[in-house]
Amino acid sequence: MNNKFLKYFIACFLVINFNLMALDKVPVISLDLAKEMADACEANQEKIGYRKINIAIVDSGANLILFRKQNGAFLGSTDIAIAKAKSSARIPFPTRLIGEIAYGKDGEPGRVPGIVHIKDIVAFAGGLPIRSADGTLLGAIGVSGASSDEDEICAQAAIDAIKSKLK
């Protein structure tokens, strides 16, 4: 009986140990990386000169890592930026594509119009998923305050700024 218990204990230990090692290899967005993204987004806003913005960055579970509000950005855009980031983390596509899925494109009806009725799902541009080089979802960024096209340009500038660090 002792021998069975020992084998069971060793097997459990190995399974737990391998699972813990796997957790060490899951890429994440650090706060420093999120700050670098927000800095790049703000630099893009200043360079192009569109309206002041709010920036939200979430992890792959849609948990807020960073939120930044520029002075003069619309207060209502705070919730929108966060919702755009969460939308792109939960449905890992750009929020522009979520809008096309809901409302359609080029005169064609949307495939899933009811998606816009899901709490905190945003169906217009400004939210982008953040992926590692191998395509693993790391999180998402949402930007709001300018036009939705400018919000998306800003979010893409943030991702482009840290692309080489996304392994």
Foldseek 3Di string as FASTA:
>chain_A
DVVVVVVVVVVVVVVVVVVVVVVVPDDAQALVLVVLLVVQLVVLCVVVVFFWKKKWWAFLQLHTSDIDGDVRFDPVRRLVFSLQQSQCSVVVAFLCVVLCLQQNPPPDGHVCVCVVVPPSRHNAAQKHFAAAPVGHTTTIMGMDRGPRVSNNVSRVSSNVSCRVVRD
